[in-house]
Amino acid sequence: MPFSFKIKKPKDLTQLLAQLKDEAAKHNISFMGDETRGHASGYGFVGEYIVHSNSIELIVHKKPFIVSNAKIQQEIEKFLAQIETAAEDK
């Protein structure tokens, strides 16, 4: 059963998506999308994102049984925070 959560939309969405595409390619993850919506899959995960005015909705359609929804949300938020911090440091 799918689950979803929202994160705050970053200031530079285009830059974030470029970084996500680069990271996905490094780890053999399929990632396609633009500033409105997209999807990703790999390692037993299938998900999509939809961009709203002030947030991004992340929807996980498929995941390994042993990985909790809370852990997925925590790790995605942690990863995005690291990318944003690195961008601010530049």
PDB file of N, CA and C in Angstrom:
ATOM      1  N   MET A   1       0.839  -1.178   0.000  1.00  0.00           N
ATOM      2  CA  MET A   1       0.000   0.000   0.000  1.00  0.00           C
ATOM      3  C   MET A   1       0.884   1.242   0.000  1.00  0.00           C
ATOM      4  N   PRO A   2       0.638   2.188  -0.882  1.00  0.00           N
ATOM      5  CA  PRO A   2       1.462   3.404  -0.949  1.00  0.00           C
ATOM      6  C   PRO A   2       1.320   4.267   0.304  1.00  0.00           C
ATOM      7  N   PHE A   3       2.362   5.009   0.598  1.00  0.00           N
ATOM      8  CA  PHE A   3       2.276   6.027   1.637  1.00  0.00           C
ATOM      9  C   PHE A   3       2.935   7.284   1.091  1.00  0.00           C
ATOM     10  N   SER A   4       2.560   8.422   1.666  1.00  0.00           N
ATOM     11  CA  SER A   4       3.120   9.683   1.186  1.00  0.00           C
ATOM     12  C   SER A   4       3.399  10.617   2.346  1.00  0.00           C
ATOM     13  N   PHE A   5       4.260  11.577   2.078  1.00  0.00           N
ATOM     14  CA  PHE A   5       4.558  12.634   3.036  1.00  0.00           C
ATOM     15  C   PHE A   5       5.028  13.843   2.244  1.00  0.00           C
ATOM     16  N   LYS A   6       5.021  14.998   2.896  1.00  0.00           N
ATOM     17  CA  LYS A   6       5.426  16.227   2.228  1.00  0.00           C
ATOM     18  C   LYS A   6       6.663  16.802   2.889  1.00  0.00           C
ATOM     19  N   ILE A   7       7.484  17.438   2.059  1.00  0.00           N
ATOM     20  CA  ILE A   7       8.646  18.163   2.547  1.00  0.00           C
ATOM     21  C   ILE A   7       8.550  19.592   2.036  1.00  0.00           C
ATOM     22  N   LYS A   8       9.255  20.489   2.693  1.00  0.00           N
ATOM     23  CA  LYS A   8       9.273  21.883   2.274  1.00  0.00           C
ATOM     24  C   LYS A   8       9.966  21.992   0.915  1.00  0.00           C
ATOM     25  N   LYS A   9       9.384  22.762   0.037  1.00  0.00           N
ATOM     26  CA  LYS A   9       9.970  22.970  -1.289  1.00  0.00           C
ATOM     27  C   LYS A   9      11.239  23.820  -1.139  1.00  0.00           C
ATOM     28  N   PRO A  10      12.370  23.357  -1.668  1.00  0.00           N
ATOM     29  CA  PRO A  10      13.619  24.122  -1.536  1.00  0.00           C
ATOM     30  C   PRO A  10      13.599  25.383  -2.404  1.00  0.00           C
ATOM     31  N   LYS A  11      14.476  26.301  -2.053  1.00  0.00           N
ATOM     32  CA  LYS A  11      14.569  27.563  -2.803  1.00  0.00           C
ATOM     33  C   LYS A  11      14.954  27.315  -4.257  1.00  0.00           C
ATOM     34  N   ASP A  12      15.900  26.410  -4.477  1.00  0.00           N
ATOM     35  CA  ASP A  12      16.382  26.142  -5.832  1.00  0.00           C
ATOM     36  C   ASP A  12      16.048  24.701  -6.219  1.00  0.00           C
ATOM     37  N   LEU A  13      14.823  24.495  -6.639  1.00  0.00           N
ATOM     38  CA  LEU A  13      14.359  23.156  -6.996  1.00  0.00           C
ATOM     39  C   LEU A  13      15.122  22.588  -8.186  1.00  0.00           C
ATOM     40  N   THR A  14      15.436  23.417  -9.159  1.00  0.00           N
ATOM     41  CA  THR A  14      16.164  22.957 -10.342  1.00  0.00           C
ATOM     42  C   THR A  14      17.519  22.379  -9.953  1.00  0.00           C
ATOM     43  N   GLN A  15      18.223  23.059  -9.065  1.00  0.00           N
ATOM     44  CA  GLN A  15      19.535  22.594  -8.600  1.00  0.00           C
ATOM     45  C   GLN A  15      19.392  21.285  -7.821  1.00  0.00           C
ATOM     46  N   LEU A  16      18.376  21.202  -6.973  1.00  0.00           N
ATOM     47  CA  LEU A  16      18.155  19.977  -6.203  1.00  0.00           C
ATOM     48  C   LEU A  16      17.908  18.799  -7.133  1.00  0.00           C
ATOM     49  N   LEU A  17      17.068  18.980  -8.124  1.00  0.00           N
ATOM     50  CA  LEU A  17      16.772  17.887  -9.054  1.00  0.00           C
ATOM     51  C   LEU A  17      18.012  17.455  -9.817  1.00  0.00           C
ATOM     52  N   ALA A  18      18.846  18.401 -10.207  1.00  0.00           N
ATOM     53  CA  ALA A  18      20.096  18.057 -10.892  1.00  0.00           C
ATOM     54  C   ALA A  18      20.992  17.210  -9.995  1.00  0.00           C
ATOM     55  N   GLN A  19      21.081  17.583  -8.735  1.00  0.00           N
ATOM     56  CA  GLN A  19      21.894  16.815  -7.797  1.00  0.00           C
ATOM     57  C   GLN A  19      21.310  15.423  -7.560  1.00  0.00           C
ATOM     58  N   LEU A  20      20.000  15.348  -7.441  1.00  0.00           N
ATOM     59  CA  LEU A  20      19.361  14.042  -7.251  1.00  0.00           C
ATOM     60  C   LEU A  20      19.588  13.137  -8.452  1.00  0.00           C
ATOM     61  N   LYS A  21      19.517  13.688  -9.648  1.00  0.00           N
ATOM     62  CA  LYS A  21      19.762  12.889 -10.853  1.00  0.00           C
ATOM     63  C   LYS A  21      21.200  12.382 -10.878  1.00  0.00           C
ATOM     64  N   ASP A  22      22.150  13.234 -10.488  1.00  0.00           N
ATOM     65  CA  ASP A  22      23.551  12.812 -10.428  1.00  0.00           C
ATOM     66  C   ASP A  22      23.753  11.690  -9.409  1.00  0.00           C
ATOM     67  N   GLU A  23      23.179  11.852  -8.219  1.00  0.00           N
ATOM     68  CA  GLU A  23      23.311  10.827  -7.180  1.00  0.00           C
ATOM     69  C   GLU A  23      22.650   9.525  -7.613  1.00  0.00           C
ATOM     70  N   ALA A  24      21.494   9.610  -8.228  1.00  0.00           N
ATOM     71  CA  ALA A  24      20.796   8.410  -8.692  1.00  0.00           C
ATOM     72  C   ALA A  24      21.648   7.656  -9.705  1.00  0.00           C
ATOM     73  N   ALA A  25      22.240   8.380 -10.629  1.00  0.00           N
ATOM     74  CA  ALA A  25      23.078   7.741 -11.648  1.00  0.00           C
ATOM     75  C   ALA A  25      24.269   7.027 -11.013  1.00  0.00           C
ATOM     76  N   LYS A  26      24.855   7.610  -9.974  1.00  0.00           N
ATOM     77  CA  LYS A  26      25.997   6.998  -9.289  1.00  0.00           C
ATOM     78  C   LYS A  26      25.621   5.668  -8.643  1.00  0.00           C
ATOM     79  N   HIS A  27      24.356   5.519  -8.267  1.00  0.00           N
ATOM     80  CA  HIS A  27      23.916   4.338  -7.527  1.00  0.00           C
ATOM     81  C   HIS A  27      22.976   3.443  -8.332  1.00  0.00           C
ATOM     82  N   ASN A  28      22.986   3.625  -9.652  1.00  0.00           N
ATOM     83  CA  ASN A  28      22.186   2.790 -10.555  1.00  0.00           C
ATOM     84  C   ASN A  28      20.688   2.819 -10.209  1.00  0.00           C
ATOM     85  N   ILE A  29      20.189   4.019  -9.916  1.00  0.00           N
ATOM     86  CA  ILE A  29      18.776   4.227  -9.616  1.00  0.00           C
ATOM     87  C   ILE A  29      18.165   5.005 -10.774  1.00  0.00           C
ATOM     88  N   SER A  30      17.015   4.576 -11.231  1.00  0.00           N
ATOM     89  CA  SER A  30      16.305   5.282 -12.291  1.00  0.00           C
ATOM     90  C   SER A  30      15.618   6.505 -11.696  1.00  0.00           C
ATOM     91  N   PHE A  31      15.924   7.679 -12.212  1.00  0.00           N
ATOM     92  CA  PHE A  31      15.314   8.917 -11.720  1.00  0.00           C
ATOM     93  C   PHE A  31      14.981   9.786 -12.924  1.00  0.00           C
ATOM     94  N   MET A  32      13.703  10.086 -13.082  1.00  0.00           N
ATOM     95  CA  MET A  32      13.264  10.938 -14.182  1.00  0.00           C
ATOM     96  C   MET A  32      12.240  11.920 -13.647  1.00  0.00           C
ATOM     97  N   GLY A  33      12.331  13.153 -14.098  1.00  0.00           N
ATOM     98  CA  GLY A  33      11.339  14.125 -13.670  1.00  0.00           C
ATOM     99  C   GLY A  33      11.771  15.542 -13.960  1.00  0.00           C
ATOM    100  N   ASP A  34      10.900  16.466 -13.579  1.00  0.00           N
ATOM    101  CA  ASP A  34      11.160  17.880 -13.786  1.00  0.00           C
ATOM    102  C   ASP A  34      10.633  18.667 -12.590  1.00  0.00           C
ATOM    103  N   GLU A  35      10.420  19.966 -12.775  1.00  0.00           N
ATOM    104  CA  GLU A  35      10.000  20.838 -11.681  1.00  0.00           C
ATOM    105  C   GLU A  35       8.521  20.686 -11.310  1.00  0.00           C
ATOM    106  N   THR A  36       7.813  19.750 -11.934  1.00  0.00           N
ATOM    107  CA  THR A  36       6.408  19.537 -11.593  1.00  0.00           C
ATOM    108  C   THR A  36       6.145  18.153 -11.009  1.00  0.00           C
ATOM    109  N   ARG A  37       6.804  17.136 -11.562  1.00  0.00           N
ATOM    110  CA  ARG A  37       6.616  15.770 -11.061  1.00  0.00           C
ATOM    111  C   ARG A  37       7.691  14.848 -11.623  1.00  0.00           C
ATOM    112  N   GLY A  38       7.816  13.669 -11.006  1.00  0.00           N
ATOM    113  CA  GLY A  38       8.791  12.705 -11.491  1.00  0.00           C
ATOM    114  C   GLY A  38       8.678  11.397 -10.735  1.00  0.00           C
ATOM    115  N   HIS A  39       9.571  10.467 -11.056  1.00  0.00           N
ATOM    116  CA  HIS A  39       9.559   9.182 -10.386  1.00  0.00           C
ATOM    117  C   HIS A  39      10.971   8.602 -10.309  1.00  0.00           C
ATOM    118  N   ALA A  40      11.117   7.660  -9.379  1.00  0.00           N
ATOM    119  CA  ALA A  40      12.405   7.006  -9.173  1.00  0.00           C
ATOM    120  C   ALA A  40      12.150   5.549  -8.806  1.00  0.00           C
ATOM    121  N   SER A  41      13.114   4.698  -9.162  1.00  0.00           N
ATOM    122  CA  SER A  41      13.010   3.296  -8.776  1.00  0.00           C
ATOM    123  C   SER A  41      14.394   2.668  -8.706  1.00  0.00           C
ATOM    124  N   GLY A  42      14.509   1.708  -7.825  1.00  0.00           N
ATOM    125  CA  GLY A  42      15.756   0.972  -7.669  1.00  0.00           C
ATOM    126  C   GLY A  42      15.827   0.315  -6.305  1.00  0.00           C
ATOM    127  N   TYR A  43      16.546  -0.789  -6.215  1.00  0.00           N
ATOM    128  CA  TYR A  43      16.763  -1.513  -4.965  1.00  0.00           C
ATOM    129  C   TYR A  43      15.455  -1.900  -4.273  1.00  0.00           C
ATOM    130  N   GLY A  44      14.432  -2.216  -5.050  1.00  0.00           N
ATOM    131  CA  GLY A  44      13.163  -2.638  -4.479  1.00  0.00           C
ATOM    132  C   GLY A  44      12.210  -1.506  -4.147  1.00  0.00           C
ATOM    133  N   PHE A  45      12.602  -0.279  -4.462  1.00  0.00           N
ATOM    134  CA  PHE A  45      11.769   0.885  -4.188  1.00  0.00           C
ATOM    135  C   PHE A  45      11.195   1.443  -5.490  1.00  0.00           C
ATOM    136  N   VAL A  46       9.960   1.927  -5.423  1.00  0.00           N
ATOM    137  CA  VAL A  46       9.338   2.645  -6.531  1.00  0.00           C
ATOM    138  C   VAL A  46       8.580   3.811  -5.915  1.00  0.00           C
ATOM    139  N   GLY A  47       8.845   4.999  -6.404  1.00  0.00           N
ATOM    140  CA  GLY A  47       8.175   6.169  -5.856  1.00  0.00           C
ATOM    141  C   GLY A  47       8.057   7.281  -6.869  1.00  0.00           C
ATOM    142  N   GLU A  48       7.335   8.302  -6.470  1.00  0.00           N
ATOM    143  CA  GLU A  48       7.169   9.471  -7.317  1.00  0.00           C
ATOM    144  C   GLU A  48       7.121  10.723  -6.455  1.00  0.00           C
ATOM    145  N   TYR A  49       7.239  11.865  -7.101  1.00  0.00           N
ATOM    146  CA  TYR A  49       7.074  13.132  -6.396  1.00  0.00           C
ATOM    147  C   TYR A  49       6.186  14.049  -7.215  1.00  0.00           C
ATOM    148  N   ILE A  50       5.462  14.895  -6.499  1.00  0.00           N
ATOM    149  CA  ILE A  50       4.613  15.901  -7.114  1.00  0.00           C
ATOM    150  C   ILE A  50       4.932  17.221  -6.432  1.00  0.00           C
ATOM    151  N   VAL A  51       5.253  18.230  -7.232  1.00  0.00           N
ATOM    152  CA  VAL A  51       5.611  19.536  -6.687  1.00  0.00           C
ATOM    153  C   VAL A  51       4.353  20.387  -6.548  1.00  0.00           C
ATOM    154  N   HIS A  52       4.164  20.918  -5.351  1.00  0.00           N
ATOM    155  CA  HIS A  52       3.068  21.840  -5.066  1.00  0.00           C
ATOM    156  C   HIS A  52       3.667  23.235  -4.871  1.00  0.00           C
ATOM    157  N   SER A  53       2.863  24.220  -4.591  1.00  0.00           N
ATOM    158  CA  SER A  53       3.359  25.591  -4.498  1.00  0.00           C
ATOM    159  C   SER A  53       4.436  25.775  -3.430  1.00  0.00           C
ATOM    160  N   ASN A  54       4.258  25.189  -2.244  1.00  0.00           N
ATOM    161  CA  ASN A  54       5.237  25.363  -1.169  1.00  0.00           C
ATOM    162  C   ASN A  54       5.835  24.061  -0.655  1.00  0.00           C
ATOM    163  N   SER A  55       5.468  22.949  -1.267  1.00  0.00           N
ATOM    164  CA  SER A  55       5.941  21.663  -0.772  1.00  0.00           C
ATOM    165  C   SER A  55       6.119  20.675  -1.924  1.00  0.00           C
ATOM    166  N   ILE A  56       6.753  19.580  -1.581  1.00  0.00           N
ATOM    167  CA  ILE A  56       6.894  18.468  -2.514  1.00  0.00           C
ATOM    168  C   ILE A  56       6.300  17.243  -1.824  1.00  0.00           C
ATOM    169  N   GLU A  57       5.366  16.606  -2.499  1.00  0.00           N
ATOM    170  CA  GLU A  57       4.761  15.390  -1.974  1.00  0.00           C
ATOM    171  C   GLU A  57       5.527  14.194  -2.520  1.00  0.00           C
ATOM    172  N   LEU A  58       5.993  13.353  -1.629  1.00  0.00           N
ATOM    173  CA  LEU A  58       6.708  12.138  -2.003  1.00  0.00           C
ATOM    174  C   LEU A  58       5.790  10.952  -1.752  1.00  0.00           C
ATOM    175  N   ILE A  59       5.624  10.111  -2.753  1.00  0.00           N
ATOM    176  CA  ILE A  59       4.737   8.964  -2.662  1.00  0.00           C
ATOM    177  C   ILE A  59       5.551   7.700  -2.922  1.00  0.00           C
ATOM    178  N   VAL A  60       5.567   6.805  -1.962  1.00  0.00           N
ATOM    179  CA  VAL A  60       6.290   5.536  -2.092  1.00  0.00           C
ATOM    180  C   VAL A  60       5.255   4.467  -2.432  1.00  0.00           C
ATOM    181  N   HIS A  61       5.395   3.884  -3.613  1.00  0.00           N
ATOM    182  CA  HIS A  61       4.447   2.870  -4.080  1.00  0.00           C
ATOM    183  C   HIS A  61       4.886   1.454  -3.718  1.00  0.00           C
ATOM    184  N   LYS A  62       6.189   1.245  -3.664  1.00  0.00           N
ATOM    185  CA  LYS A  62       6.706  -0.095  -3.388  1.00  0.00           C
ATOM    186  C   LYS A  62       7.988   0.046  -2.595  1.00  0.00           C
ATOM    187  N   LYS A  63       8.171  -0.840  -1.614  1.00  0.00           N
ATOM    188  CA  LYS A  63       9.377  -0.827  -0.795  1.00  0.00           C
ATOM    189  C   LYS A  63       9.619  -2.219  -0.242  1.00  0.00           C
ATOM    190  N   PRO A  64      10.851  -2.504   0.157  1.00  0.00           N
ATOM    191  CA  PRO A  64      11.097  -3.784   0.824  1.00  0.00           C
ATOM    192  C   PRO A  64      10.289  -3.855   2.127  1.00  0.00           C
ATOM    193  N   PHE A  65       9.750  -5.009   2.417  1.00  0.00           N
ATOM    194  CA  PHE A  65       8.897  -5.197   3.586  1.00  0.00           C
ATOM    195  C   PHE A  65       9.588  -4.802   4.892  1.00  0.00           C
ATOM    196  N   ILE A  66      10.876  -5.066   5.001  1.00  0.00           N
ATOM    197  CA  ILE A  66      11.578  -4.832   6.269  1.00  0.00           C
ATOM    198  C   ILE A  66      11.902  -3.361   6.532  1.00  0.00           C
ATOM    199  N   VAL A  67      11.685  -2.489   5.562  1.00  0.00           N
ATOM    200  CA  VAL A  67      11.990  -1.070   5.727  1.00  0.00           C
ATOM    201  C   VAL A  67      10.693  -0.341   6.086  1.00  0.00           C
ATOM    202  N   SER A  68      10.704   0.350   7.238  1.00  0.00           N
ATOM    203  CA  SER A  68       9.490   1.033   7.695  1.00  0.00           C
ATOM    204  C   SER A  68       9.263   2.346   6.943  1.00  0.00           C
ATOM    205  N   ASN A  69       8.027   2.767   6.906  1.00  0.00           N
ATOM    206  CA  ASN A  69       7.690   4.056   6.300  1.00  0.00           C
ATOM    207  C   ASN A  69       8.424   5.187   7.011  1.00  0.00           C
ATOM    208  N   ALA A  70       8.475   5.122   8.339  1.00  0.00           N
ATOM    209  CA  ALA A  70       9.150   6.166   9.119  1.00  0.00           C
ATOM    210  C   ALA A  70      10.634   6.252   8.765  1.00  0.00           C
ATOM    211  N   LYS A  71      11.273   5.106   8.575  1.00  0.00           N
ATOM    212  CA  LYS A  71      12.704   5.092   8.233  1.00  0.00           C
ATOM    213  C   LYS A  71      12.932   5.699   6.850  1.00  0.00           C
ATOM    214  N   ILE A  72      12.061   5.394   5.902  1.00  0.00           N
ATOM    215  CA  ILE A  72      12.181   5.979   4.565  1.00  0.00           C
ATOM    216  C   ILE A  72      12.070   7.486   4.645  1.00  0.00           C
ATOM    217  N   GLN A  73      11.058   7.982   5.352  1.00  0.00           N
ATOM    218  CA  GLN A  73      10.875   9.428   5.475  1.00  0.00           C
ATOM    219  C   GLN A  73      12.076  10.070   6.160  1.00  0.00           C
ATOM    220  N   GLN A  74      12.552   9.470   7.220  1.00  0.00           N
ATOM    221  CA  GLN A  74      13.704   9.998   7.955  1.00  0.00           C
ATOM    222  C   GLN A  74      14.938  10.088   7.060  1.00  0.00           C
ATOM    223  N   GLU A  75      15.217   9.044   6.315  1.00  0.00           N
ATOM    224  CA  GLU A  75      16.413   9.024   5.478  1.00  0.00           C
ATOM    225  C   GLU A  75      16.308  10.009   4.305  1.00  0.00           C
ATOM    226  N   ILE A  76      15.132  10.132   3.719  1.00  0.00           N
ATOM    227  CA  ILE A  76      14.957  11.097   2.628  1.00  0.00           C
ATOM    228  C   ILE A  76      15.134  12.516   3.144  1.00  0.00           C
ATOM    229  N   GLU A  77      14.528  12.832   4.281  1.00  0.00           N
ATOM    230  CA  GLU A  77      14.667  14.169   4.853  1.00  0.00           C
ATOM    231  C   GLU A  77      16.120  14.469   5.221  1.00  0.00           C
ATOM    232  N   LYS A  78      16.814  13.494   5.761  1.00  0.00           N
ATOM    233  CA  LYS A  78      18.232  13.644   6.123  1.00  0.00           C
ATOM    234  C   LYS A  78      19.076  13.895   4.868  1.00  0.00           C
ATOM    235  N   PHE A  79      18.852  13.121   3.830  1.00  0.00           N
ATOM    236  CA  PHE A  79      19.600  13.263   2.587  1.00  0.00           C
ATOM    237  C   PHE A  79      19.369  14.633   1.951  1.00  0.00           C
ATOM    238  N   LEU A  80      18.113  15.065   1.902  1.00  0.00           N
ATOM    239  CA  LEU A  80      17.798  16.366   1.304  1.00  0.00           C
ATOM    240  C   LEU A  80      18.388  17.509   2.119  1.00  0.00           C
ATOM    241  N   ALA A  81      18.418  17.374   3.434  1.00  0.00           N
ATOM    242  CA  ALA A  81      19.030  18.397   4.287  1.00  0.00           C
ATOM    243  C   ALA A  81      20.531  18.492   4.017  1.00  0.00           C
ATOM    244  N   GLN A  82      21.186  17.365   3.781  1.00  0.00           N
ATOM    245  CA  GLN A  82      22.624  17.370   3.477  1.00  0.00           C
ATOM    246  C   GLN A  82      22.887  18.072   2.153  1.00  0.00           C
ATOM    247  N   ILE A  83      22.044  17.821   1.158  1.00  0.00           N
ATOM    248  CA  ILE A  83      22.215  18.466  -0.137  1.00  0.00           C
ATOM    249  C   ILE A  83      22.012  19.971  -0.006  1.00  0.00           C
ATOM    250  N   GLU A  84      20.998  20.380   0.737  1.00  0.00           N
ATOM    251  CA  GLU A  84      20.718  21.804   0.906  1.00  0.00           C
ATOM    252  C   GLU A  84      21.837  22.498   1.655  1.00  0.00           C
ATOM    253  N   THR A  85      22.372  21.838   2.697  1.00  0.00           N
ATOM    254  CA  THR A  85      23.482  22.408   3.462  1.00  0.00           C
ATOM    255  C   THR A  85      24.714  22.561   2.565  1.00  0.00           C
ATOM    256  N   ALA A  86      25.001  21.559   1.752  1.00  0.00           N
ATOM    257  CA  ALA A  86      26.154  21.638   0.857  1.00  0.00           C
ATOM    258  C   ALA A  86      25.981  22.769  -0.154  1.00  0.00           C
ATOM    259  N   ALA A  87      24.786  22.979  -0.637  1.00  0.00           N
ATOM    260  CA  ALA A  87      24.530  24.052  -1.593  1.00  0.00           C
ATOM    261  C   ALA A  87      24.704  25.422  -0.939  1.00  0.00           C
ATOM    262  N   GLU A  88      24.307  25.557   0.310  1.00  0.00           N
ATOM    263  CA  GLU A  88      24.453  26.828   1.027  1.00  0.00           C
ATOM    264  C   GLU A  88      25.905  27.141   1.320  1.00  0.00           C
ATOM    265  N   ASP A  89      26.726  26.102   1.499  1.00  0.00           N
ATOM    266  CA  ASP A  89      28.142  26.287   1.804  1.00  0.00           C
ATOM    267  C   ASP A  89      28.954  26.744   0.599  1.00  0.00           C
ATOM    268  N   LYS A  90      28.391  26.607  -0.595  1.00  0.00           N
ATOM    269  CA  LYS A  90      29.134  26.975  -1.809  1.00  0.00           C
ATOM    270  C   LYS A  90      29.165  28.464  -2.011  1.00  0.00           C
TER     271      LYS A  90
END
